[in-house]
Amino acid sequence: MDGATDLLDCLGVTWDDIDAWGGSHTHIAPTTMADLLKEGQADVSIDVISIGQAAFTELCLTSTMHVIELAPETRAAMNEKGYVSMTMPANSWNGQTEPVETICGCESLVVAKDVPDDVVYMFTKALCENKEYMVSVVPAMDSFDPSIAWQPNFCGIELHPGAAQYFRDAGYMD
């Protein structure tokens, strides 16, 4: 499922409900949605994005947007679907002057279990120890925190032994 469908499910709403209420929906790429919102051809975007996501950043610079805070029970329901609660700091987006209680999706790098431990260890080390470079390439990676990235609520699946060894050696996990 996608983040929008997961959110609607937590709210007890379906896409068919939206259609029945006179609305409509289209599943499209974030960059296309930003263009539709800027051009007044769409009213709402439901998406799970990271702070710094390029299309939404541009949209907030060119249009007045409102980031909606999720109720505690909605965040808890989304946590059950694998999303993590977070406080989006004030000024994460142009025009967003207050912190917003919301959720984030966690990106995971998945490797086959038979990839050698030393290869996964080095890959994990490279990611964790080069955050500044990653953020320069993908600004949304700014919220990546290697000290907690190993936690089950952030990775969603069991760690590969090579990754687990890196996080232990780095002092992040027992």
N, C-alpha and C. Protein backbone atom coordinates (compact mmCIF):
# COMPACT_ATOMS: atom_id res chain seq x y z
N MET A 1 0.83 -1.18 0.00
CA MET A 1 0.00 0.00 0.00
C MET A 1 0.87 1.24 0.00
N ASP A 2 0.25 2.36 -0.32
CA ASP A 2 0.98 3.62 -0.25
C ASP A 2 0.55 4.39 1.00
N GLY A 3 1.27 5.42 1.32
CA GLY A 3 1.00 6.18 2.53
C GLY A 3 -0.40 6.76 2.58
N ALA A 4 -0.90 7.25 1.44
CA ALA A 4 -2.24 7.83 1.41
C ALA A 4 -3.30 6.78 1.72
N THR A 5 -3.17 5.62 1.12
CA THR A 5 -4.13 4.54 1.36
C THR A 5 -4.05 4.07 2.81
N ASP A 6 -2.83 3.97 3.34
CA ASP A 6 -2.66 3.59 4.75
C ASP A 6 -3.34 4.61 5.66
N LEU A 7 -3.15 5.89 5.39
CA LEU A 7 -3.75 6.93 6.22
C LEU A 7 -5.28 6.86 6.16
N LEU A 8 -5.82 6.75 4.95
CA LEU A 8 -7.28 6.66 4.82
C LEU A 8 -7.81 5.44 5.57
N ASP A 9 -7.09 4.32 5.47
CA ASP A 9 -7.51 3.11 6.17
C ASP A 9 -7.57 3.35 7.69
N CYS A 10 -6.58 4.05 8.22
CA CYS A 10 -6.57 4.37 9.65
C CYS A 10 -7.73 5.28 10.03
N LEU A 11 -8.20 6.08 9.09
CA LEU A 11 -9.31 6.99 9.34
C LEU A 11 -10.66 6.34 9.04
N GLY A 12 -10.64 5.10 8.56
CA GLY A 12 -11.88 4.41 8.23
C GLY A 12 -12.53 4.90 6.95
N VAL A 13 -11.72 5.39 6.03
CA VAL A 13 -12.19 5.95 4.76
C VAL A 13 -11.57 5.18 3.61
N THR A 14 -12.31 5.01 2.54
CA THR A 14 -11.77 4.36 1.34
C THR A 14 -11.77 5.36 0.18
N TRP A 15 -11.06 5.00 -0.86
CA TRP A 15 -11.08 5.83 -2.08
C TRP A 15 -12.50 5.87 -2.65
N ASP A 16 -13.23 4.77 -2.55
CA ASP A 16 -14.62 4.74 -3.03
C ASP A 16 -15.48 5.72 -2.23
N ASP A 17 -15.22 5.86 -0.93
CA ASP A 17 -15.95 6.85 -0.12
C ASP A 17 -15.73 8.25 -0.68
N ILE A 18 -14.50 8.58 -0.98
CA ILE A 18 -14.18 9.91 -1.51
C ILE A 18 -14.94 10.14 -2.81
N ASP A 19 -14.96 9.14 -3.69
CA ASP A 19 -15.70 9.27 -4.95
C ASP A 19 -17.20 9.45 -4.67
N ALA A 20 -17.73 8.68 -3.71
CA ALA A 20 -19.16 8.76 -3.38
C ALA A 20 -19.53 10.12 -2.80
N TRP A 21 -18.59 10.78 -2.14
CA TRP A 21 -18.85 12.09 -1.56
C TRP A 21 -18.71 13.22 -2.58
N GLY A 22 -18.45 12.85 -3.85
CA GLY A 22 -18.32 13.85 -4.90
C GLY A 22 -16.90 14.27 -5.20
N GLY A 23 -15.96 13.66 -4.53
CA GLY A 23 -14.56 13.96 -4.79
C GLY A 23 -14.01 13.05 -5.87
N SER A 24 -12.76 13.16 -6.12
CA SER A 24 -12.08 12.26 -7.04
C SER A 24 -10.64 12.10 -6.56
N HIS A 25 -9.99 11.12 -7.08
CA HIS A 25 -8.60 10.90 -6.67
C HIS A 25 -7.79 10.40 -7.86
N THR A 26 -6.52 10.72 -7.81
CA THR A 26 -5.59 10.30 -8.84
C THR A 26 -4.28 9.94 -8.15
N HIS A 27 -3.74 8.79 -8.47
CA HIS A 27 -2.45 8.38 -7.92
C HIS A 27 -1.37 8.77 -8.93
N ILE A 28 -0.55 9.74 -8.55
CA ILE A 28 0.47 10.25 -9.46
C ILE A 28 1.76 10.51 -8.69
N ALA A 29 2.81 10.78 -9.42
CA ALA A 29 4.12 11.06 -8.82
C ALA A 29 4.09 12.41 -8.09
N PRO A 30 4.89 12.54 -7.03
CA PRO A 30 4.92 13.80 -6.27
C PRO A 30 5.20 15.04 -7.13
N THR A 31 6.09 14.93 -8.10
CA THR A 31 6.39 16.10 -8.92
C THR A 31 5.17 16.51 -9.75
N THR A 32 4.42 15.55 -10.24
CA THR A 32 3.21 15.85 -11.00
C THR A 32 2.17 16.47 -10.08
N MET A 33 2.04 15.95 -8.86
CA MET A 33 1.08 16.51 -7.91
C MET A 33 1.42 17.95 -7.59
N ALA A 34 2.68 18.25 -7.41
CA ALA A 34 3.08 19.63 -7.12
C ALA A 34 2.64 20.55 -8.25
N ASP A 35 2.81 20.12 -9.48
CA ASP A 35 2.38 20.92 -10.63
C ASP A 35 0.87 21.12 -10.63
N LEU A 36 0.10 20.05 -10.36
CA LEU A 36 -1.36 20.16 -10.33
C LEU A 36 -1.83 21.13 -9.23
N LEU A 37 -1.22 21.06 -8.06
CA LEU A 37 -1.58 21.97 -6.97
C LEU A 37 -1.24 23.41 -7.33
N LYS A 38 -0.06 23.64 -7.90
CA LYS A 38 0.34 24.99 -8.30
C LYS A 38 -0.61 25.57 -9.34
N GLU A 39 -1.08 24.72 -10.23
CA GLU A 39 -1.96 25.16 -11.33
C GLU A 39 -3.43 25.19 -10.94
N GLY A 40 -3.75 24.87 -9.67
CA GLY A 40 -5.12 24.89 -9.22
C GLY A 40 -5.96 23.74 -9.75
N GLN A 41 -5.33 22.67 -10.22
CA GLN A 41 -6.06 21.52 -10.75
C GLN A 41 -6.24 20.42 -9.71
N ALA A 42 -5.74 20.64 -8.51
CA ALA A 42 -5.92 19.71 -7.39
C ALA A 42 -6.02 20.54 -6.12
N ASP A 43 -6.72 20.00 -5.14
CA ASP A 43 -6.93 20.72 -3.88
C ASP A 43 -6.13 20.14 -2.72
N VAL A 44 -5.86 18.85 -2.76
CA VAL A 44 -5.25 18.17 -1.62
C VAL A 44 -4.23 17.16 -2.14
N SER A 45 -3.15 17.01 -1.41
CA SER A 45 -2.19 15.95 -1.66
C SER A 45 -2.01 15.18 -0.36
N ILE A 46 -2.16 13.88 -0.43
CA ILE A 46 -1.90 13.03 0.73
C ILE A 46 -0.65 12.23 0.40
N ASP A 47 0.40 12.47 1.16
CA ASP A 47 1.66 11.81 0.85
C ASP A 47 2.48 11.69 2.13
N VAL A 48 3.32 10.70 2.18
CA VAL A 48 4.28 10.55 3.26
C VAL A 48 5.62 10.95 2.67
N ILE A 49 6.13 12.09 3.11
CA ILE A 49 7.37 12.61 2.55
C ILE A 49 8.35 12.93 3.67
N SER A 50 9.59 13.01 3.31
CA SER A 50 10.63 13.40 4.26
C SER A 50 10.88 14.89 4.16
N ILE A 51 11.31 15.48 5.25
CA ILE A 51 11.67 16.90 5.23
C ILE A 51 12.77 17.08 4.20
N GLY A 52 12.58 18.06 3.34
CA GLY A 52 13.54 18.33 2.29
C GLY A 52 13.19 17.70 0.96
N GLN A 53 12.10 16.94 0.89
CA GLN A 53 11.70 16.31 -0.37
C GLN A 53 11.52 17.40 -1.41
N ALA A 54 12.17 17.25 -2.55
CA ALA A 54 12.30 18.32 -3.53
C ALA A 54 10.96 18.85 -4.06
N ALA A 55 10.06 17.97 -4.46
CA ALA A 55 8.80 18.43 -5.06
C ALA A 55 7.97 19.23 -4.06
N PHE A 56 7.91 18.77 -2.80
CA PHE A 56 7.11 19.49 -1.81
C PHE A 56 7.81 20.78 -1.41
N THR A 57 9.12 20.78 -1.34
CA THR A 57 9.86 22.01 -1.05
C THR A 57 9.54 23.07 -2.09
N GLU A 58 9.60 22.69 -3.36
CA GLU A 58 9.28 23.63 -4.45
C GLU A 58 7.84 24.11 -4.34
N LEU A 59 6.94 23.18 -4.08
CA LEU A 59 5.53 23.52 -3.97
C LEU A 59 5.31 24.56 -2.87
N CYS A 60 5.95 24.38 -1.72
CA CYS A 60 5.78 25.32 -0.61
C CYS A 60 6.39 26.68 -0.91
N LEU A 61 7.34 26.73 -1.82
CA LEU A 61 7.94 28.01 -2.22
C LEU A 61 7.07 28.75 -3.22
N THR A 62 6.23 28.02 -3.94
CA THR A 62 5.44 28.63 -5.01
C THR A 62 3.95 28.71 -4.70
N SER A 63 3.50 28.03 -3.66
CA SER A 63 2.08 28.00 -3.30
C SER A 63 1.95 28.03 -1.78
N THR A 64 0.82 28.51 -1.30
CA THR A 64 0.55 28.48 0.13
C THR A 64 0.00 27.11 0.48
N MET A 65 0.73 26.38 1.29
CA MET A 65 0.34 25.03 1.67
C MET A 65 0.12 24.98 3.18
N HIS A 66 -0.67 24.02 3.62
CA HIS A 66 -0.93 23.82 5.04
C HIS A 66 -0.63 22.36 5.35
N VAL A 67 0.33 22.11 6.22
CA VAL A 67 0.67 20.76 6.64
C VAL A 67 -0.21 20.43 7.85
N ILE A 68 -1.00 19.38 7.74
CA ILE A 68 -1.99 19.04 8.77
C ILE A 68 -1.38 18.11 9.81
N GLU A 69 -1.60 18.46 11.08
CA GLU A 69 -1.15 17.61 12.18
C GLU A 69 -2.08 16.41 12.30
N LEU A 70 -1.50 15.25 12.57
CA LEU A 70 -2.29 14.03 12.75
C LEU A 70 -2.61 13.84 14.23
N ALA A 71 -3.84 13.43 14.53
CA ALA A 71 -4.26 13.18 15.90
C ALA A 71 -3.45 12.02 16.48
N PRO A 72 -3.28 12.01 17.81
CA PRO A 72 -2.50 10.93 18.43
C PRO A 72 -2.98 9.54 18.05
N GLU A 73 -4.30 9.32 18.01
CA GLU A 73 -4.81 7.99 17.66
C GLU A 73 -4.53 7.64 16.20
N THR A 74 -4.48 8.63 15.33
CA THR A 74 -4.14 8.37 13.93
C THR A 74 -2.67 8.02 13.81
N ARG A 75 -1.82 8.74 14.53
CA ARG A 75 -0.39 8.42 14.51
C ARG A 75 -0.16 7.02 15.06
N ALA A 76 -0.86 6.66 16.13
CA ALA A 76 -0.71 5.32 16.71
C ALA A 76 -1.13 4.24 15.71
N ALA A 77 -2.22 4.48 14.99
CA ALA A 77 -2.66 3.52 13.98
C ALA A 77 -1.66 3.41 12.84
N MET A 78 -1.06 4.53 12.45
CA MET A 78 -0.05 4.50 11.40
C MET A 78 1.22 3.81 11.91
N ASN A 79 1.54 3.95 13.21
CA ASN A 79 2.68 3.23 13.79
C ASN A 79 2.50 1.73 13.61
N GLU A 80 1.27 1.26 13.76
CA GLU A 80 0.97 -0.17 13.58
C GLU A 80 1.22 -0.62 12.14
N LYS A 81 1.20 0.31 11.21
CA LYS A 81 1.44 -0.02 9.80
C LYS A 81 2.91 0.18 9.41
N GLY A 82 3.75 0.51 10.39
CA GLY A 82 5.18 0.62 10.12
C GLY A 82 5.72 2.03 9.99
N TYR A 83 4.89 3.03 10.21
CA TYR A 83 5.35 4.42 10.15
C TYR A 83 5.79 4.83 11.56
N VAL A 84 6.60 5.86 11.66
CA VAL A 84 7.15 6.30 12.93
C VAL A 84 6.62 7.71 13.23
N SER A 85 6.17 7.93 14.46
CA SER A 85 5.72 9.26 14.86
C SER A 85 6.92 10.20 14.92
N MET A 86 6.68 11.44 14.57
CA MET A 86 7.74 12.45 14.63
C MET A 86 7.13 13.82 14.82
N THR A 87 7.92 14.72 15.35
CA THR A 87 7.55 16.12 15.39
C THR A 87 8.30 16.81 14.27
N MET A 88 7.55 17.32 13.28
CA MET A 88 8.17 18.07 12.20
C MET A 88 8.47 19.46 12.75
N PRO A 89 9.74 19.83 12.87
CA PRO A 89 10.07 21.12 13.47
C PRO A 89 9.45 22.30 12.71
N ALA A 90 9.20 23.38 13.42
CA ALA A 90 8.74 24.60 12.77
C ALA A 90 9.72 24.97 11.66
N ASN A 91 9.21 25.53 10.61
CA ASN A 91 10.00 26.00 9.46
C ASN A 91 10.65 24.89 8.66
N SER A 92 10.11 23.67 8.79
CA SER A 92 10.59 22.59 7.92
C SER A 92 10.22 22.88 6.47
N TRP A 93 9.11 23.58 6.30
CA TRP A 93 8.61 23.97 4.98
C TRP A 93 8.31 25.46 5.00
N ASN A 94 8.44 26.12 3.89
CA ASN A 94 8.10 27.52 3.76
C ASN A 94 6.65 27.73 4.20
N GLY A 95 6.43 28.63 5.14
CA GLY A 95 5.08 28.93 5.60
C GLY A 95 4.61 28.08 6.78
N GLN A 96 5.36 27.09 7.19
CA GLN A 96 4.99 26.23 8.32
C GLN A 96 5.73 26.77 9.55
N THR A 97 5.05 27.58 10.33
CA THR A 97 5.71 28.29 11.43
C THR A 97 5.65 27.58 12.77
N GLU A 98 4.86 26.52 12.88
CA GLU A 98 4.72 25.79 14.13
C GLU A 98 5.15 24.33 13.94
N PRO A 99 5.59 23.66 15.01
CA PRO A 99 5.87 22.22 14.90
C PRO A 99 4.58 21.47 14.55
N VAL A 100 4.72 20.36 13.85
CA VAL A 100 3.57 19.55 13.45
C VAL A 100 3.82 18.11 13.88
N GLU A 101 2.87 17.56 14.65
CA GLU A 101 2.94 16.15 15.06
C GLU A 101 2.42 15.30 13.91
N THR A 102 3.25 14.42 13.41
CA THR A 102 2.90 13.65 12.21
C THR A 102 3.61 12.30 12.24
N ILE A 103 3.73 11.68 11.12
CA ILE A 103 4.45 10.41 10.99
C ILE A 103 5.43 10.54 9.83
N CYS A 104 6.37 9.63 9.78
CA CYS A 104 7.26 9.57 8.63
C CYS A 104 7.40 8.12 8.21
N GLY A 105 7.66 7.96 6.95
CA GLY A 105 7.98 6.63 6.45
C GLY A 105 9.47 6.44 6.59
N CYS A 106 9.88 5.25 6.80
CA CYS A 106 11.30 4.99 6.96
C CYS A 106 11.82 4.24 5.76
N GLU A 107 12.79 4.82 5.14
CA GLU A 107 13.41 4.16 4.00
C GLU A 107 14.34 3.07 4.52
N SER A 108 14.29 1.93 3.91
CA SER A 108 15.16 0.83 4.31
C SER A 108 15.92 0.33 3.10
N LEU A 109 17.14 0.03 3.32
CA LEU A 109 17.94 -0.61 2.29
C LEU A 109 17.89 -2.09 2.57
N VAL A 110 17.41 -2.86 1.63
CA VAL A 110 17.21 -4.29 1.84
C VAL A 110 18.22 -5.06 0.99
N VAL A 111 18.89 -6.01 1.63
CA VAL A 111 19.83 -6.87 0.92
C VAL A 111 19.45 -8.32 1.17
N ALA A 112 19.85 -9.17 0.27
CA ALA A 112 19.60 -10.60 0.44
C ALA A 112 20.40 -11.12 1.63
N LYS A 113 19.86 -12.13 2.29
CA LYS A 113 20.52 -12.65 3.49
C LYS A 113 21.86 -13.30 3.17
N ASP A 114 22.09 -13.68 1.91
CA ASP A 114 23.36 -14.33 1.57
C ASP A 114 24.44 -13.35 1.11
N VAL A 115 24.17 -12.04 1.16
CA VAL A 115 25.24 -11.07 0.88
C VAL A 115 26.22 -11.18 2.04
N PRO A 116 27.50 -11.29 1.75
CA PRO A 116 28.49 -11.47 2.82
C PRO A 116 28.43 -10.38 3.89
N ASP A 117 28.61 -10.81 5.14
CA ASP A 117 28.54 -9.89 6.27
C ASP A 117 29.48 -8.70 6.10
N ASP A 118 30.71 -8.95 5.63
CA ASP A 118 31.67 -7.86 5.53
C ASP A 118 31.26 -6.82 4.49
N VAL A 119 30.56 -7.24 3.44
CA VAL A 119 30.09 -6.30 2.41
C VAL A 119 28.99 -5.42 3.01
N VAL A 120 28.05 -6.02 3.71
CA VAL A 120 26.96 -5.25 4.32
C VAL A 120 27.50 -4.34 5.42
N TYR A 121 28.47 -4.83 6.18
CA TYR A 121 29.10 -4.02 7.22
C TYR A 121 29.69 -2.75 6.60
N MET A 122 30.47 -2.90 5.54
CA MET A 122 31.12 -1.75 4.90
C MET A 122 30.10 -0.80 4.28
N PHE A 123 29.05 -1.35 3.70
CA PHE A 123 28.01 -0.53 3.11
C PHE A 123 27.30 0.29 4.20
N THR A 124 26.97 -0.37 5.31
CA THR A 124 26.31 0.31 6.44
C THR A 124 27.22 1.39 7.00
N LYS A 125 28.49 1.07 7.17
CA LYS A 125 29.47 2.03 7.67
C LYS A 125 29.55 3.25 6.75
N ALA A 126 29.60 3.00 5.44
CA ALA A 126 29.70 4.11 4.48
C ALA A 126 28.47 5.02 4.57
N LEU A 127 27.29 4.44 4.70
CA LEU A 127 26.07 5.25 4.81
C LEU A 127 26.07 6.05 6.11
N CYS A 128 26.36 5.39 7.20
CA CYS A 128 26.28 6.02 8.51
C CYS A 128 27.35 7.07 8.75
N GLU A 129 28.52 6.88 8.16
CA GLU A 129 29.63 7.79 8.43
C GLU A 129 29.79 8.87 7.37
N ASN A 130 28.86 8.91 6.42
CA ASN A 130 28.92 9.93 5.36
C ASN A 130 27.59 10.65 5.20
N LYS A 131 26.95 10.90 6.33
CA LYS A 131 25.64 11.55 6.29
C LYS A 131 25.71 12.91 5.60
N GLU A 132 26.72 13.69 5.90
CA GLU A 132 26.83 15.03 5.31
C GLU A 132 26.81 14.96 3.78
N TYR A 133 27.54 14.01 3.22
CA TYR A 133 27.54 13.85 1.77
C TYR A 133 26.16 13.42 1.28
N MET A 134 25.54 12.45 1.98
CA MET A 134 24.21 11.98 1.56
C MET A 134 23.22 13.13 1.54
N VAL A 135 23.25 13.99 2.56
CA VAL A 135 22.33 15.12 2.62
C VAL A 135 22.61 16.10 1.48
N SER A 136 23.87 16.24 1.09
CA SER A 136 24.19 17.15 -0.02
C SER A 136 23.61 16.64 -1.34
N VAL A 137 23.42 15.33 -1.44
CA VAL A 137 22.86 14.73 -2.65
C VAL A 137 21.34 14.61 -2.54
N VAL A 138 20.87 14.21 -1.36
CA VAL A 138 19.43 14.00 -1.11
C VAL A 138 19.08 14.72 0.20
N PRO A 139 18.62 15.98 0.12
CA PRO A 139 18.35 16.74 1.35
C PRO A 139 17.40 16.05 2.32
N ALA A 140 16.51 15.22 1.83
CA ALA A 140 15.56 14.52 2.71
C ALA A 140 16.28 13.58 3.68
N MET A 141 17.53 13.26 3.43
CA MET A 141 18.29 12.39 4.33
C MET A 141 18.76 13.11 5.59
N ASP A 142 18.46 14.40 5.72
CA ASP A 142 18.89 15.16 6.88
C ASP A 142 18.36 14.58 8.18
N SER A 143 17.18 13.96 8.14
CA SER A 143 16.62 13.40 9.37
C SER A 143 17.18 12.01 9.69
N PHE A 144 18.00 11.45 8.82
CA PHE A 144 18.63 10.15 9.08
C PHE A 144 19.55 10.26 10.29
N ASP A 145 19.33 9.40 11.27
CA ASP A 145 20.14 9.40 12.49
C ASP A 145 20.72 8.01 12.69
N PRO A 146 22.00 7.82 12.35
CA PRO A 146 22.60 6.50 12.47
C PRO A 146 22.50 5.89 13.87
N SER A 147 22.44 6.74 14.90
CA SER A 147 22.42 6.20 16.26
C SER A 147 21.12 5.46 16.59
N ILE A 148 20.06 5.72 15.83
CA ILE A 148 18.79 5.03 16.07
C ILE A 148 18.29 4.27 14.84
N ALA A 149 18.99 4.37 13.73
CA ALA A 149 18.53 3.76 12.48
C ALA A 149 18.37 2.25 12.58
N TRP A 150 19.07 1.62 13.48
CA TRP A 150 19.02 0.16 13.65
C TRP A 150 17.76 -0.30 14.38
N GLN A 151 17.05 0.61 15.05
CA GLN A 151 15.90 0.22 15.84
C GLN A 151 14.79 -0.35 14.96
N PRO A 152 14.11 -1.39 15.43
CA PRO A 152 13.09 -2.07 14.61
C PRO A 152 12.01 -1.15 14.05
N ASN A 153 11.61 -0.11 14.79
CA ASN A 153 10.58 0.78 14.26
C ASN A 153 11.10 1.64 13.12
N PHE A 154 12.41 1.72 12.93
CA PHE A 154 12.95 2.48 11.82
C PHE A 154 13.31 1.62 10.62
N CYS A 155 13.61 0.36 10.83
CA CYS A 155 14.03 -0.47 9.70
C CYS A 155 12.96 -1.48 9.28
N GLY A 156 12.06 -1.82 10.16
CA GLY A 156 10.92 -2.64 9.78
C GLY A 156 11.17 -4.12 9.63
N ILE A 157 12.41 -4.53 9.47
CA ILE A 157 12.74 -5.94 9.33
C ILE A 157 14.00 -6.24 10.14
N GLU A 158 14.29 -7.51 10.28
CA GLU A 158 15.49 -7.90 11.01
C GLU A 158 16.74 -7.40 10.29
N LEU A 159 17.68 -6.91 11.07
CA LEU A 159 18.93 -6.43 10.48
C LEU A 159 19.75 -7.59 9.93
N HIS A 160 20.40 -7.35 8.82
CA HIS A 160 21.40 -8.29 8.30
C HIS A 160 22.52 -8.36 9.34
N PRO A 161 23.13 -9.53 9.57
CA PRO A 161 24.20 -9.64 10.57
C PRO A 161 25.34 -8.65 10.36
N GLY A 162 25.67 -8.33 9.13
CA GLY A 162 26.74 -7.36 8.86
C GLY A 162 26.37 -5.96 9.32
N ALA A 163 25.11 -5.57 9.09
CA ALA A 163 24.63 -4.26 9.54
C ALA A 163 24.58 -4.23 11.06
N ALA A 164 24.05 -5.28 11.67
CA ALA A 164 23.97 -5.35 13.12
C ALA A 164 25.37 -5.21 13.74
N GLN A 165 26.36 -5.87 13.14
CA GLN A 165 27.73 -5.78 13.67
C GLN A 165 28.25 -4.35 13.60
N TYR A 166 27.97 -3.65 12.50
CA TYR A 166 28.41 -2.25 12.41
C TYR A 166 27.78 -1.43 13.53
N PHE A 167 26.46 -1.55 13.71
CA PHE A 167 25.77 -0.75 14.72
C PHE A 167 26.29 -1.08 16.13
N ARG A 168 26.65 -2.35 16.39
CA ARG A 168 27.25 -2.71 17.68
C ARG A 168 28.64 -2.07 17.81
N ASP A 169 29.48 -2.25 16.77
CA ASP A 169 30.84 -1.69 16.82
C ASP A 169 30.84 -0.18 16.98
N ALA A 170 29.84 0.49 16.40
CA ALA A 170 29.76 1.95 16.49
C ALA A 170 29.20 2.40 17.84
N GLY A 171 28.76 1.44 18.66
CA GLY A 171 28.24 1.77 19.98
C GLY A 171 26.78 2.20 19.99
N TYR A 172 26.09 1.95 18.89
CA TYR A 172 24.70 2.36 18.80
C TYR A 172 23.75 1.34 19.38
N MET A 173 24.11 0.08 19.33
CA MET A 173 23.22 -0.96 19.88
C MET A 173 24.04 -1.95 20.70
N ASP A 174 23.37 -2.62 21.63
CA ASP A 174 24.04 -3.59 22.50
C ASP A 174 24.39 -4.84 21.74
